[in-house]
Amino acid sequence: RVLSAGEMITSDAFHGTGRTKLSLVQRVPLGVVVCVPPFNYPVNLAGSKIGPALASGNASLVKPPSAGAASTLSLCAAIYAALVAEFGADSDILPVITCITGRGRDIGDLLTTHSLAKA
């Protein structure tokens, strides 16, 4: 279900300010997206962050909560395994998901203020 989130992402076209104008919306990847799920329901909420980020073509850096790290790491491993099964281990898109563990107060500022983290 997490990986199927990309099926909802489409380009949009709609009428602009005048009858002869057409506005187009093109979605492009941002780059690295930092996903920080909360300690309560870490798997559900991590999936809702990781899935759209990957489906949009972004790399995901996941910082699991200290209290629910094992379940979030298992989710990341399952998503990675699904990507390898779909695209192959030699694919240029891998690795697109990385997990980093540690205390939030120690690494939180670095993750949220780093210049490569776009969202």
PDB file of N, CA and C in Angstrom:
ATOM      1  N   ARG A   1       0.815  -1.192   0.000  1.00  0.00           N
ATOM      2  CA  ARG A   1       0.000   0.000   0.000  1.00  0.00           C
ATOM      3  C   ARG A   1       0.860   1.257   0.000  1.00  0.00           C
ATOM      4  N   VAL A   2       1.980   1.211   0.702  1.00  0.00           N
ATOM      5  CA  VAL A   2       2.853   2.380   0.775  1.00  0.00           C
ATOM      6  C   VAL A   2       3.399   2.726  -0.601  1.00  0.00           C
ATOM      7  N   LEU A   3       3.851   1.716  -1.333  1.00  0.00           N
ATOM      8  CA  LEU A   3       4.458   1.974  -2.631  1.00  0.00           C
ATOM      9  C   LEU A   3       3.437   2.313  -3.703  1.00  0.00           C
ATOM     10  N   SER A   4       2.165   1.999  -3.495  1.00  0.00           N
ATOM     11  CA  SER A   4       1.144   2.318  -4.490  1.00  0.00           C
ATOM     12  C   SER A   4       0.696   3.774  -4.411  1.00  0.00           C
ATOM     13  N   ALA A   5       1.251   4.535  -3.496  1.00  0.00           N
ATOM     14  CA  ALA A   5       0.878   5.948  -3.376  1.00  0.00           C
ATOM     15  C   ALA A   5       1.230   6.720  -4.637  1.00  0.00           C
ATOM     16  N   GLY A   6       2.205   6.254  -5.394  1.00  0.00           N
ATOM     17  CA  GLY A   6       2.612   6.940  -6.615  1.00  0.00           C
ATOM     18  C   GLY A   6       1.570   6.922  -7.705  1.00  0.00           C
ATOM     19  N   GLU A   7       0.633   5.998  -7.637  1.00  0.00           N
ATOM     20  CA  GLU A   7      -0.409   5.939  -8.649  1.00  0.00           C
ATOM     21  C   GLU A   7      -1.328   7.143  -8.581  1.00  0.00           C
ATOM     22  N   MET A   8      -1.355   7.843  -7.467  1.00  0.00           N
ATOM     23  CA  MET A   8      -2.221   9.007  -7.311  1.00  0.00           C
ATOM     24  C   MET A   8      -1.554  10.284  -7.812  1.00  0.00           C
ATOM     25  N   ILE A   9      -0.268  10.240  -8.111  1.00  0.00           N
ATOM     26  CA  ILE A   9       0.447  11.439  -8.530  1.00  0.00           C
ATOM     27  C   ILE A   9       0.345  11.572 -10.040  1.00  0.00           C
ATOM     28  N   THR A  10      -0.250  12.647 -10.491  1.00  0.00           N
ATOM     29  CA  THR A  10      -0.406  12.893 -11.918  1.00  0.00           C
ATOM     30  C   THR A  10      -0.056  14.347 -12.199  1.00  0.00           C
ATOM     31  N   SER A  11       0.183  14.645 -13.454  1.00  0.00           N
ATOM     32  CA  SER A  11       0.350  16.035 -13.861  1.00  0.00           C
ATOM     33  C   SER A  11      -1.036  16.621 -14.088  1.00  0.00           C
ATOM     34  N   ASP A  12      -1.184  17.878 -13.815  1.00  0.00           N
ATOM     35  CA  ASP A  12      -2.480  18.521 -13.943  1.00  0.00           C
ATOM     36  C   ASP A  12      -2.418  19.609 -15.001  1.00  0.00           C
ATOM     37  N   ALA A  13      -3.518  19.782 -15.688  1.00  0.00           N
ATOM     38  CA  ALA A  13      -3.682  20.878 -16.630  1.00  0.00           C
ATOM     39  C   ALA A  13      -5.059  21.479 -16.374  1.00  0.00           C
ATOM     40  N   PHE A  14      -5.122  22.790 -16.309  1.00  0.00           N
ATOM     41  CA  PHE A  14      -6.405  23.442 -16.081  1.00  0.00           C
ATOM     42  C   PHE A  14      -6.378  24.803 -16.746  1.00  0.00           C
ATOM     43  N   HIS A  15      -7.556  25.360 -16.938  1.00  0.00           N
ATOM     44  CA  HIS A  15      -7.669  26.652 -17.606  1.00  0.00           C
ATOM     45  C   HIS A  15      -7.060  27.742 -16.743  1.00  0.00           C
ATOM     46  N   GLY A  16      -6.327  28.618 -17.409  1.00  0.00           N
ATOM     47  CA  GLY A  16      -5.671  29.712 -16.713  1.00  0.00           C
ATOM     48  C   GLY A  16      -6.602  30.889 -16.506  1.00  0.00           C
ATOM     49  N   THR A  17      -6.015  32.073 -16.409  1.00  0.00           N
ATOM     50  CA  THR A  17      -6.793  33.272 -16.112  1.00  0.00           C
ATOM     51  C   THR A  17      -7.652  33.718 -17.288  1.00  0.00           C
ATOM     52  N   GLY A  18      -7.288  33.326 -18.480  1.00  0.00           N
ATOM     53  CA  GLY A  18      -8.072  33.686 -19.656  1.00  0.00           C
ATOM     54  C   GLY A  18      -8.503  32.453 -20.425  1.00  0.00           C
ATOM     55  N   ARG A  19      -9.395  32.638 -21.389  1.00  0.00           N
ATOM     56  CA  ARG A  19      -9.893  31.498 -22.161  1.00  0.00           C
ATOM     57  C   ARG A  19      -8.809  30.886 -23.034  1.00  0.00           C
ATOM     58  N   THR A  20      -7.816  31.676 -23.376  1.00  0.00           N
ATOM     59  CA  THR A  20      -6.769  31.173 -24.271  1.00  0.00           C
ATOM     60  C   THR A  20      -5.528  30.707 -23.524  1.00  0.00           C
ATOM     61  N   LYS A  21      -5.575  30.722 -22.226  1.00  0.00           N
ATOM     62  CA  LYS A  21      -4.408  30.330 -21.435  1.00  0.00           C
ATOM     63  C   LYS A  21      -4.655  28.988 -20.761  1.00  0.00           C
ATOM     64  N   LEU A  22      -3.613  28.184 -20.752  1.00  0.00           N
ATOM     65  CA  LEU A  22      -3.665  26.876 -20.116  1.00  0.00           C
ATOM     66  C   LEU A  22      -2.540  26.803 -19.094  1.00  0.00           C
ATOM     67  N   SER A  23      -2.855  26.410 -17.897  1.00  0.00           N
ATOM     68  CA  SER A  23      -1.851  26.279 -16.838  1.00  0.00           C
ATOM     69  C   SER A  23      -1.502  24.813 -16.663  1.00  0.00           C
ATOM     70  N   LEU A  24      -0.224  24.529 -16.564  1.00  0.00           N
ATOM     71  CA  LEU A  24       0.245  23.162 -16.369  1.00  0.00           C
ATOM     72  C   LEU A  24       0.956  23.053 -15.033  1.00  0.00           C
ATOM     73  N   VAL A  25       0.743  21.952 -14.357  1.00  0.00           N
ATOM     74  CA  VAL A  25       1.434  21.658 -13.108  1.00  0.00           C
ATOM     75  C   VAL A  25       2.319  20.458 -13.362  1.00  0.00           C
ATOM     76  N   GLN A  26       3.601  20.640 -13.178  1.00  0.00           N
ATOM     77  CA  GLN A  26       4.547  19.546 -13.357  1.00  0.00           C
ATOM     78  C   GLN A  26       5.220  19.291 -12.016  1.00  0.00           C
ATOM     79  N   ARG A  27       5.114  18.061 -11.569  1.00  0.00           N
ATOM     80  CA  ARG A  27       5.706  17.709 -10.282  1.00  0.00           C
ATOM     81  C   ARG A  27       7.104  17.156 -10.510  1.00  0.00           C
ATOM     82  N   VAL A  28       8.069  17.730  -9.813  1.00  0.00           N
ATOM     83  CA  VAL A  28       9.460  17.296  -9.945  1.00  0.00           C
ATOM     84  C   VAL A  28       9.990  16.921  -8.561  1.00  0.00           C
ATOM     85  N   PRO A  29      10.912  15.973  -8.501  1.00  0.00           N
ATOM     86  CA  PRO A  29      11.474  15.577  -7.204  1.00  0.00           C
ATOM     87  C   PRO A  29      12.239  16.722  -6.547  1.00  0.00           C
ATOM     88  N   LEU A  30      12.196  16.757  -5.230  1.00  0.00           N
ATOM     89  CA  LEU A  30      12.933  17.758  -4.466  1.00  0.00           C
ATOM     90  C   LEU A  30      14.364  17.329  -4.191  1.00  0.00           C
ATOM     91  N   GLY A  31      14.583  16.032  -4.026  1.00  0.00           N
ATOM     92  CA  GLY A  31      15.907  15.517  -3.674  1.00  0.00           C
ATOM     93  C   GLY A  31      15.813  14.619  -2.467  1.00  0.00           C
ATOM     94  N   VAL A  32      16.345  15.069  -1.350  1.00  0.00           N
ATOM     95  CA  VAL A  32      16.319  14.288  -0.114  1.00  0.00           C
ATOM     96  C   VAL A  32      15.179  14.793   0.768  1.00  0.00           C
ATOM     97  N   VAL A  33      14.328  13.864   1.184  1.00  0.00           N
ATOM     98  CA  VAL A  33      13.214  14.182   2.070  1.00  0.00           C
ATOM     99  C   VAL A  33      13.470  13.492   3.407  1.00  0.00           C
ATOM    100  N   VAL A  34      13.441  14.250   4.485  1.00  0.00           N
ATOM    101  CA  VAL A  34      13.638  13.697   5.826  1.00  0.00           C
ATOM    102  C   VAL A  34      12.273  13.315   6.387  1.00  0.00           C
ATOM    103  N   CYS A  35      12.126  12.059   6.756  1.00  0.00           N
ATOM    104  CA  CYS A  35      10.877  11.541   7.319  1.00  0.00           C
ATOM    105  C   CYS A  35      11.110  11.224   8.790  1.00  0.00           C
ATOM    106  N   VAL A  36      10.396  11.912   9.661  1.00  0.00           N
ATOM    107  CA  VAL A  36      10.536  11.701  11.101  1.00  0.00           C
ATOM    108  C   VAL A  36       9.165  11.311  11.652  1.00  0.00           C
ATOM    109  N   PRO A  37       8.871  10.015  11.699  1.00  0.00           N
ATOM    110  CA  PRO A  37       7.573   9.594  12.239  1.00  0.00           C
ATOM    111  C   PRO A  37       7.555   9.707  13.757  1.00  0.00           C
ATOM    112  N   PRO A  38       6.388   9.929  14.349  1.00  0.00           N
ATOM    113  CA  PRO A  38       6.288  10.036  15.807  1.00  0.00           C
ATOM    114  C   PRO A  38       6.360   8.671  16.472  1.00  0.00           C
ATOM    115  N   PHE A  39       6.471   8.680  17.788  1.00  0.00           N
ATOM    116  CA  PHE A  39       6.615   7.428  18.528  1.00  0.00           C
ATOM    117  C   PHE A  39       5.315   6.633  18.568  1.00  0.00           C
ATOM    118  N   ASN A  40       4.169   7.312  18.491  1.00  0.00           N
ATOM    119  CA  ASN A  40       2.906   6.578  18.501  1.00  0.00           C
ATOM    120  C   ASN A  40       2.515   6.256  17.056  1.00  0.00           C
ATOM    121  N   TYR A  41       2.215   5.018  16.794  1.00  0.00           N
ATOM    122  CA  TYR A  41       1.923   4.517  15.452  1.00  0.00           C
ATOM    123  C   TYR A  41       3.081   4.783  14.491  1.00  0.00           C
ATOM    124  N   PRO A  42       4.299   4.396  14.837  1.00  0.00           N
ATOM    125  CA  PRO A  42       5.442   4.733  13.985  1.00  0.00           C
ATOM    126  C   PRO A  42       5.382   4.095  12.603  1.00  0.00           C
ATOM    127  N   VAL A  43       4.842   2.880  12.492  1.00  0.00           N
ATOM    128  CA  VAL A  43       4.813   2.222  11.183  1.00  0.00           C
ATOM    129  C   VAL A  43       3.791   2.885  10.274  1.00  0.00           C
ATOM    130  N   ASN A  44       2.580   3.114  10.779  1.00  0.00           N
ATOM    131  CA  ASN A  44       1.543   3.730   9.950  1.00  0.00           C
ATOM    132  C   ASN A  44       1.962   5.111   9.462  1.00  0.00           C
ATOM    133  N   LEU A  45       2.447   5.913  10.367  1.00  0.00           N
ATOM    134  CA  LEU A  45       2.788   7.280   9.998  1.00  0.00           C
ATOM    135  C   LEU A  45       4.097   7.359   9.224  1.00  0.00           C
ATOM    136  N   ALA A  46       5.003   6.423   9.449  1.00  0.00           N
ATOM    137  CA  ALA A  46       6.228   6.387   8.643  1.00  0.00           C
ATOM    138  C   ALA A  46       5.883   6.039   7.203  1.00  0.00           C
ATOM    139  N   GLY A  47       4.998   5.072   7.030  1.00  0.00           N
ATOM    140  CA  GLY A  47       4.586   4.691   5.679  1.00  0.00           C
ATOM    141  C   GLY A  47       3.919   5.825   4.929  1.00  0.00           C
ATOM    142  N   SER A  48       3.150   6.642   5.648  1.00  0.00           N
ATOM    143  CA  SER A  48       2.473   7.758   4.989  1.00  0.00           C
ATOM    144  C   SER A  48       3.438   8.876   4.613  1.00  0.00           C
ATOM    145  N   LYS A  49       4.636   8.859   5.158  1.00  0.00           N
ATOM    146  CA  LYS A  49       5.658   9.843   4.790  1.00  0.00           C
ATOM    147  C   LYS A  49       6.609   9.285   3.730  1.00  0.00           C
ATOM    148  N   ILE A  50       7.022   8.036   3.905  1.00  0.00           N
ATOM    149  CA  ILE A  50       8.004   7.426   3.008  1.00  0.00           C
ATOM    150  C   ILE A  50       7.407   7.163   1.631  1.00  0.00           C
ATOM    151  N   GLY A  51       6.199   6.619   1.593  1.00  0.00           N
ATOM    152  CA  GLY A  51       5.571   6.253   0.324  1.00  0.00           C
ATOM    153  C   GLY A  51       5.460   7.404  -0.663  1.00  0.00           C
ATOM    154  N   PRO A  52       4.834   8.514  -0.287  1.00  0.00           N
ATOM    155  CA  PRO A  52       4.739   9.636  -1.223  1.00  0.00           C
ATOM    156  C   PRO A  52       6.097  10.223  -1.607  1.00  0.00           C
ATOM    157  N   ALA A  53       7.036  10.230  -0.665  1.00  0.00           N
ATOM    158  CA  ALA A  53       8.367  10.762  -0.986  1.00  0.00           C
ATOM    159  C   ALA A  53       9.040   9.913  -2.058  1.00  0.00           C
ATOM    160  N   LEU A  54       9.004   8.595  -1.895  1.00  0.00           N
ATOM    161  CA  LEU A  54       9.616   7.708  -2.883  1.00  0.00           C
ATOM    162  C   LEU A  54       8.860   7.744  -4.203  1.00  0.00           C
ATOM    163  N   ALA A  55       7.538   7.782  -4.138  1.00  0.00           N
ATOM    164  CA  ALA A  55       6.733   7.805  -5.355  1.00  0.00           C
ATOM    165  C   ALA A  55       6.958   9.076  -6.161  1.00  0.00           C
ATOM    166  N   SER A  56       7.351  10.144  -5.493  1.00  0.00           N
ATOM    167  CA  SER A  56       7.626  11.408  -6.177  1.00  0.00           C
ATOM    168  C   SER A  56       9.034  11.475  -6.738  1.00  0.00           C
ATOM    169  N   GLY A  57       9.817  10.428  -6.517  1.00  0.00           N
ATOM    170  CA  GLY A  57      11.175  10.400  -7.049  1.00  0.00           C
ATOM    171  C   GLY A  57      12.225  10.938  -6.110  1.00  0.00           C
ATOM    172  N   ASN A  58      11.889  11.100  -4.854  1.00  0.00           N
ATOM    173  CA  ASN A  58      12.834  11.619  -3.873  1.00  0.00           C
ATOM    174  C   ASN A  58      13.534  10.487  -3.139  1.00  0.00           C
ATOM    175  N   ALA A  59      14.680  10.780  -2.578  1.00  0.00           N
ATOM    176  CA  ALA A  59      15.340   9.863  -1.653  1.00  0.00           C
ATOM    177  C   ALA A  59      14.803  10.162  -0.263  1.00  0.00           C
ATOM    178  N   SER A  60      14.597   9.127   0.534  1.00  0.00           N
ATOM    179  CA  SER A  60      14.041   9.306   1.877  1.00  0.00           C
ATOM    180  C   SER A  60      15.083   8.984   2.927  1.00  0.00           C
ATOM    181  N   LEU A  61      15.277   9.899   3.835  1.00  0.00           N
ATOM    182  CA  LEU A  61      16.120   9.689   5.003  1.00  0.00           C
ATOM    183  C   LEU A  61      15.174   9.587   6.188  1.00  0.00           C
ATOM    184  N   VAL A  62      15.112   8.412   6.789  1.00  0.00           N
ATOM    185  CA  VAL A  62      14.140   8.140   7.842  1.00  0.00           C
ATOM    186  C   VAL A  62      14.841   8.121   9.189  1.00  0.00           C
ATOM    187  N   LYS A  63      14.331   8.899  10.132  1.00  0.00           N
ATOM    188  CA  LYS A  63      14.829   8.896  11.501  1.00  0.00           C
ATOM    189  C   LYS A  63      13.723   8.303  12.357  1.00  0.00           C
ATOM    190  N   PRO A  64      13.806   6.978  12.660  1.00  0.00           N
ATOM    191  CA  PRO A  64      12.750   6.359  13.457  1.00  0.00           C
ATOM    192  C   PRO A  64      12.761   6.870  14.892  1.00  0.00           C
ATOM    193  N   PRO A  65      11.604   6.836  15.545  1.00  0.00           N
ATOM    194  CA  PRO A  65      11.573   7.249  16.949  1.00  0.00           C
ATOM    195  C   PRO A  65      12.348   6.266  17.806  1.00  0.00           C
ATOM    196  N   SER A  66      12.931   6.753  18.869  1.00  0.00           N
ATOM    197  CA  SER A  66      13.711   5.880  19.754  1.00  0.00           C
ATOM    198  C   SER A  66      12.853   4.771  20.341  1.00  0.00           C
ATOM    199  N   ALA A  67      11.591   5.058  20.626  1.00  0.00           N
ATOM    200  CA  ALA A  67      10.712   4.063  21.243  1.00  0.00           C
ATOM    201  C   ALA A  67      10.165   3.048  20.247  1.00  0.00           C
ATOM    202  N   GLY A  68      10.162   3.353  18.966  1.00  0.00           N
ATOM    203  CA  GLY A  68       9.603   2.433  17.975  1.00  0.00           C
ATOM    204  C   GLY A  68      10.542   2.176  16.831  1.00  0.00           C
ATOM    205  N   ALA A  69      11.824   2.158  17.114  1.00  0.00           N
ATOM    206  CA  ALA A  69      12.817   2.049  16.045  1.00  0.00           C
ATOM    207  C   ALA A  69      12.747   0.714  15.321  1.00  0.00           C
ATOM    208  N   ALA A  70      12.535  -0.381  16.040  1.00  0.00           N
ATOM    209  CA  ALA A  70      12.566  -1.708  15.415  1.00  0.00           C
ATOM    210  C   ALA A  70      11.474  -1.857  14.368  1.00  0.00           C
ATOM    211  N   SER A  71      10.272  -1.399  14.672  1.00  0.00           N
ATOM    212  CA  SER A  71       9.184  -1.546  13.711  1.00  0.00           C
ATOM    213  C   SER A  71       9.391  -0.653  12.492  1.00  0.00           C
ATOM    214  N   THR A  72       9.889   0.546  12.700  1.00  0.00           N
ATOM    215  CA  THR A  72      10.141   1.439  11.575  1.00  0.00           C
ATOM    216  C   THR A  72      11.290   0.927  10.718  1.00  0.00           C
ATOM    217  N   LEU A  73      12.331   0.393  11.341  1.00  0.00           N
ATOM    218  CA  LEU A  73      13.436  -0.191  10.578  1.00  0.00           C
ATOM    219  C   LEU A  73      12.965  -1.395   9.776  1.00  0.00           C
ATOM    220  N   SER A  74      12.065  -2.189  10.341  1.00  0.00           N
ATOM    221  CA  SER A  74      11.506  -3.329   9.606  1.00  0.00           C
ATOM    222  C   SER A  74      10.705  -2.855   8.402  1.00  0.00           C
ATOM    223  N   LEU A  75       9.946  -1.782   8.565  1.00  0.00           N
ATOM    224  CA  LEU A  75       9.195  -1.221   7.447  1.00  0.00           C
ATOM    225  C   LEU A  75      10.137  -0.747   6.348  1.00  0.00           C
ATOM    226  N   CYS A  76      11.198  -0.044   6.724  1.00  0.00           N
ATOM    227  CA  CYS A  76      12.171   0.436   5.739  1.00  0.00           C
ATOM    228  C   CYS A  76      12.820  -0.731   5.005  1.00  0.00           C
ATOM    229  N   ALA A  77      13.147  -1.794   5.734  1.00  0.00           N
ATOM    230  CA  ALA A  77      13.741  -2.974   5.105  1.00  0.00           C
ATOM    231  C   ALA A  77      12.764  -3.624   4.139  1.00  0.00           C
ATOM    232  N   ALA A  78      11.486  -3.674   4.499  1.00  0.00           N
ATOM    233  CA  ALA A  78      10.479  -4.262   3.616  1.00  0.00           C
ATOM    234  C   ALA A  78      10.287  -3.419   2.358  1.00  0.00           C
ATOM    235  N   ILE A  79      10.275  -2.110   2.501  1.00  0.00           N
ATOM    236  CA  ILE A  79      10.147  -1.227   1.336  1.00  0.00           C
ATOM    237  C   ILE A  79      11.361  -1.379   0.435  1.00  0.00           C
ATOM    238  N   TYR A  80      12.542  -1.420   1.029  1.00  0.00           N
ATOM    239  CA  TYR A  80      13.768  -1.585   0.247  1.00  0.00           C
ATOM    240  C   TYR A  80      13.744  -2.915  -0.501  1.00  0.00           C
ATOM    241  N   ALA A  81      13.322  -3.986   0.180  1.00  0.00           N
ATOM    242  CA  ALA A  81      13.246  -5.302  -0.466  1.00  0.00           C
ATOM    243  C   ALA A  81      12.250  -5.284  -1.621  1.00  0.00           C
ATOM    244  N   ALA A  82      11.130  -4.585  -1.448  1.00  0.00           N
ATOM    245  CA  ALA A  82      10.148  -4.484  -2.526  1.00  0.00           C
ATOM    246  C   ALA A  82      10.712  -3.712  -3.713  1.00  0.00           C
ATOM    247  N   LEU A  83      11.484  -2.666  -3.445  1.00  0.00           N
ATOM    248  CA  LEU A  83      12.102  -1.905  -4.537  1.00  0.00           C
ATOM    249  C   LEU A  83      13.136  -2.738  -5.278  1.00  0.00           C
ATOM    250  N   VAL A  84      13.928  -3.512  -4.537  1.00  0.00           N
ATOM    251  CA  VAL A  84      14.919  -4.387  -5.174  1.00  0.00           C
ATOM    252  C   VAL A  84      14.217  -5.444  -6.011  1.00  0.00           C
ATOM    253  N   ALA A  85      13.128  -6.008  -5.491  1.00  0.00           N
ATOM    254  CA  ALA A  85      12.385  -7.018  -6.243  1.00  0.00           C
ATOM    255  C   ALA A  85      11.778  -6.432  -7.513  1.00  0.00           C
ATOM    256  N   GLU A  86      11.343  -5.193  -7.446  1.00  0.00           N
ATOM    257  CA  GLU A  86      10.703  -4.559  -8.601  1.00  0.00           C
ATOM    258  C   GLU A  86      11.715  -4.080  -9.639  1.00  0.00           C
ATOM    259  N   PHE A  87      12.791  -3.454  -9.184  1.00  0.00           N
ATOM    260  CA  PHE A  87      13.716  -2.806 -10.104  1.00  0.00           C
ATOM    261  C   PHE A  87      15.063  -3.500 -10.229  1.00  0.00           C
ATOM    262  N   GLY A  88      15.383  -4.409  -9.324  1.00  0.00           N
ATOM    263  CA  GLY A  88      16.664  -5.104  -9.367  1.00  0.00           C
ATOM    264  C   GLY A  88      17.704  -4.421  -8.501  1.00  0.00           C
ATOM    265  N   ALA A  89      18.648  -5.205  -8.037  1.00  0.00           N
ATOM    266  CA  ALA A  89      19.679  -4.682  -7.136  1.00  0.00           C
ATOM    267  C   ALA A  89      20.677  -3.789  -7.856  1.00  0.00           C
ATOM    268  N   ASP A  90      20.799  -3.914  -9.160  1.00  0.00           N
ATOM    269  CA  ASP A  90      21.760  -3.122  -9.921  1.00  0.00           C
ATOM    270  C   ASP A  90      21.183  -1.802 -10.415  1.00  0.00           C
ATOM    271  N   SER A  91      19.969  -1.506 -10.036  1.00  0.00           N
ATOM    272  CA  SER A  91      19.291  -0.321 -10.537  1.00  0.00           C
ATOM    273  C   SER A  91      19.973   0.956 -10.057  1.00  0.00           C
ATOM    274  N   ASP A  92      19.886   1.984 -10.870  1.00  0.00           N
ATOM    275  CA  ASP A  92      20.459   3.284 -10.522  1.00  0.00           C
ATOM    276  C   ASP A  92      19.662   4.001  -9.439  1.00  0.00           C
ATOM    277  N   ILE A  93      18.456   3.553  -9.171  1.00  0.00           N
ATOM    278  CA  ILE A  93      17.633   4.264  -8.192  1.00  0.00           C
ATOM    279  C   ILE A  93      17.957   3.886  -6.760  1.00  0.00           C
ATOM    280  N   LEU A  94      18.720   2.844  -6.553  1.00  0.00           N
ATOM    281  CA  LEU A  94      19.021   2.391  -5.192  1.00  0.00           C
ATOM    282  C   LEU A  94      20.353   2.958  -4.734  1.00  0.00           C
ATOM    283  N   PRO A  95      20.581   3.321  -3.515  1.00  0.00           N
ATOM    284  CA  PRO A  95      19.621   3.323  -2.423  1.00  0.00           C
ATOM    285  C   PRO A  95      18.802   4.606  -2.400  1.00  0.00           C
ATOM    286  N   VAL A  96      17.530   4.477  -2.237  1.00  0.00           N
ATOM    287  CA  VAL A  96      16.646   5.633  -2.164  1.00  0.00           C
ATOM    288  C   VAL A  96      16.062   5.813  -0.776  1.00  0.00           C
ATOM    289  N   ILE A  97      16.292   4.845   0.090  1.00  0.00           N
ATOM    290  CA  ILE A  97      15.773   4.944   1.446  1.00  0.00           C
ATOM    291  C   ILE A  97      16.896   4.608   2.417  1.00  0.00           C
ATOM    292  N   THR A  98      17.118   5.487   3.361  1.00  0.00           N
ATOM    293  CA  THR A  98      18.176   5.318   4.352  1.00  0.00           C
ATOM    294  C   THR A  98      17.587   5.600   5.726  1.00  0.00           C
ATOM    295  N   CYS A  99      17.943   4.778   6.689  1.00  0.00           N
ATOM    296  CA  CYS A  99      17.494   4.983   8.067  1.00  0.00           C
ATOM    297  C   CYS A  99      18.684   5.398   8.916  1.00  0.00           C
ATOM    298  N   ILE A 100      18.454   6.352   9.780  1.00  0.00           N
ATOM    299  CA  ILE A 100      19.483   6.785  10.710  1.00  0.00           C
ATOM    300  C   ILE A 100      18.869   6.758  12.105  1.00  0.00           C
ATOM    301  N   THR A 101      19.569   6.135  13.026  1.00  0.00           N
ATOM    302  CA  THR A 101      19.039   6.026  14.382  1.00  0.00           C
ATOM    303  C   THR A 101      19.876   6.872  15.333  1.00  0.00           C
ATOM    304  N   GLY A 102      19.298   7.187  16.443  1.00  0.00           N
ATOM    305  CA  GLY A 102      19.970   7.988  17.457  1.00  0.00           C
ATOM    306  C   GLY A 102      18.956   8.832  18.194  1.00  0.00           C
ATOM    307  N   ARG A 103      19.425   9.506  19.191  1.00  0.00           N
ATOM    308  CA  ARG A 103      18.540  10.375  19.968  1.00  0.00           C
ATOM    309  C   ARG A 103      18.175  11.600  19.138  1.00  0.00           C
ATOM    310  N   GLY A 104      16.915  11.952  19.188  1.00  0.00           N
ATOM    311  CA  GLY A 104      16.424  13.071  18.400  1.00  0.00           C
ATOM    312  C   GLY A 104      17.127  14.373  18.698  1.00  0.00           C
ATOM    313  N   ARG A 105      17.419  14.612  19.965  1.00  0.00           N
ATOM    314  CA  ARG A 105      18.061  15.883  20.308  1.00  0.00           C
ATOM    315  C   ARG A 105      19.504  15.945  19.827  1.00  0.00           C
ATOM    316  N   ASP A 106      20.108  14.782  19.573  1.00  0.00           N
ATOM    317  CA  ASP A 106      21.493  14.760  19.094  1.00  0.00           C
ATOM    318  C   ASP A 106      21.586  14.951  17.581  1.00  0.00           C
ATOM    319  N   ILE A 107      20.662  14.384  16.837  1.00  0.00           N
ATOM    320  CA  ILE A 107      20.768  14.441  15.375  1.00  0.00           C
ATOM    321  C   ILE A 107      19.621  15.191  14.707  1.00  0.00           C
ATOM    322  N   GLY A 108      18.623  15.589  15.481  1.00  0.00           N
ATOM    323  CA  GLY A 108      17.456  16.253  14.908  1.00  0.00           C
ATOM    324  C   GLY A 108      17.781  17.551  14.197  1.00  0.00           C
ATOM    325  N   ASP A 109      18.591  18.388  14.816  1.00  0.00           N
ATOM    326  CA  ASP A 109      18.939  19.668  14.192  1.00  0.00           C
ATOM    327  C   ASP A 109      19.699  19.466  12.891  1.00  0.00           C
ATOM    328  N   LEU A 110      20.612  18.520  12.873  1.00  0.00           N
ATOM    329  CA  LEU A 110      21.374  18.258  11.652  1.00  0.00           C
ATOM    330  C   LEU A 110      20.453  17.802  10.528  1.00  0.00           C
ATOM    331  N   LEU A 111      19.527  16.906  10.841  1.00  0.00           N
ATOM    332  CA  LEU A 111      18.628  16.391   9.809  1.00  0.00           C
ATOM    333  C   LEU A 111      17.703  17.464   9.260  1.00  0.00           C
ATOM    334  N   THR A 112      17.219  18.327  10.121  1.00  0.00           N
ATOM    335  CA  THR A 112      16.225  19.302   9.677  1.00  0.00           C
ATOM    336  C   THR A 112      16.820  20.587   9.120  1.00  0.00           C
ATOM    337  N   THR A 113      18.098  20.840   9.358  1.00  0.00           N
ATOM    338  CA  THR A 113      18.695  22.084   8.864  1.00  0.00           C
ATOM    339  C   THR A 113      19.757  21.868   7.795  1.00  0.00           C
ATOM    340  N   HIS A 114      20.057  20.630   7.448  1.00  0.00           N
ATOM    341  CA  HIS A 114      21.097  20.364   6.455  1.00  0.00           C
ATOM    342  C   HIS A 114      20.663  20.893   5.092  1.00  0.00           C
ATOM    343  N   SER A 115      21.607  21.415   4.341  1.00  0.00           N
ATOM    344  CA  SER A 115      21.288  22.038   3.054  1.00  0.00           C
ATOM    345  C   SER A 115      20.784  21.041   2.012  1.00  0.00           C
ATOM    346  N   LEU A 116      21.114  19.770   2.133  1.00  0.00           N
ATOM    347  CA  LEU A 116      20.641  18.780   1.163  1.00  0.00           C
ATOM    348  C   LEU A 116      19.220  18.305   1.447  1.00  0.00           C
ATOM    349  N   ALA A 117      18.747  18.489   2.662  1.00  0.00           N
ATOM    350  CA  ALA A 117      17.383  18.077   3.012  1.00  0.00           C
ATOM    351  C   ALA A 117      16.416  19.141   2.512  1.00  0.00           C
ATOM    352  N   LYS A 118      15.572  18.779   1.560  1.00  0.00           N
ATOM    353  CA  LYS A 118      14.678  19.757   0.927  1.00  0.00           C
ATOM    354  C   LYS A 118      13.277  19.764   1.518  1.00  0.00           C
ATOM    355  N   ALA A 119      12.903  18.703   2.182  1.00  0.00           N
ATOM    356  CA  ALA A 119      11.547  18.654   2.772  1.00  0.00           C
ATOM    357  C   ALA A 119      11.559  17.743   3.972  1.00  0.00           C
TER     358      ALA A 119
END
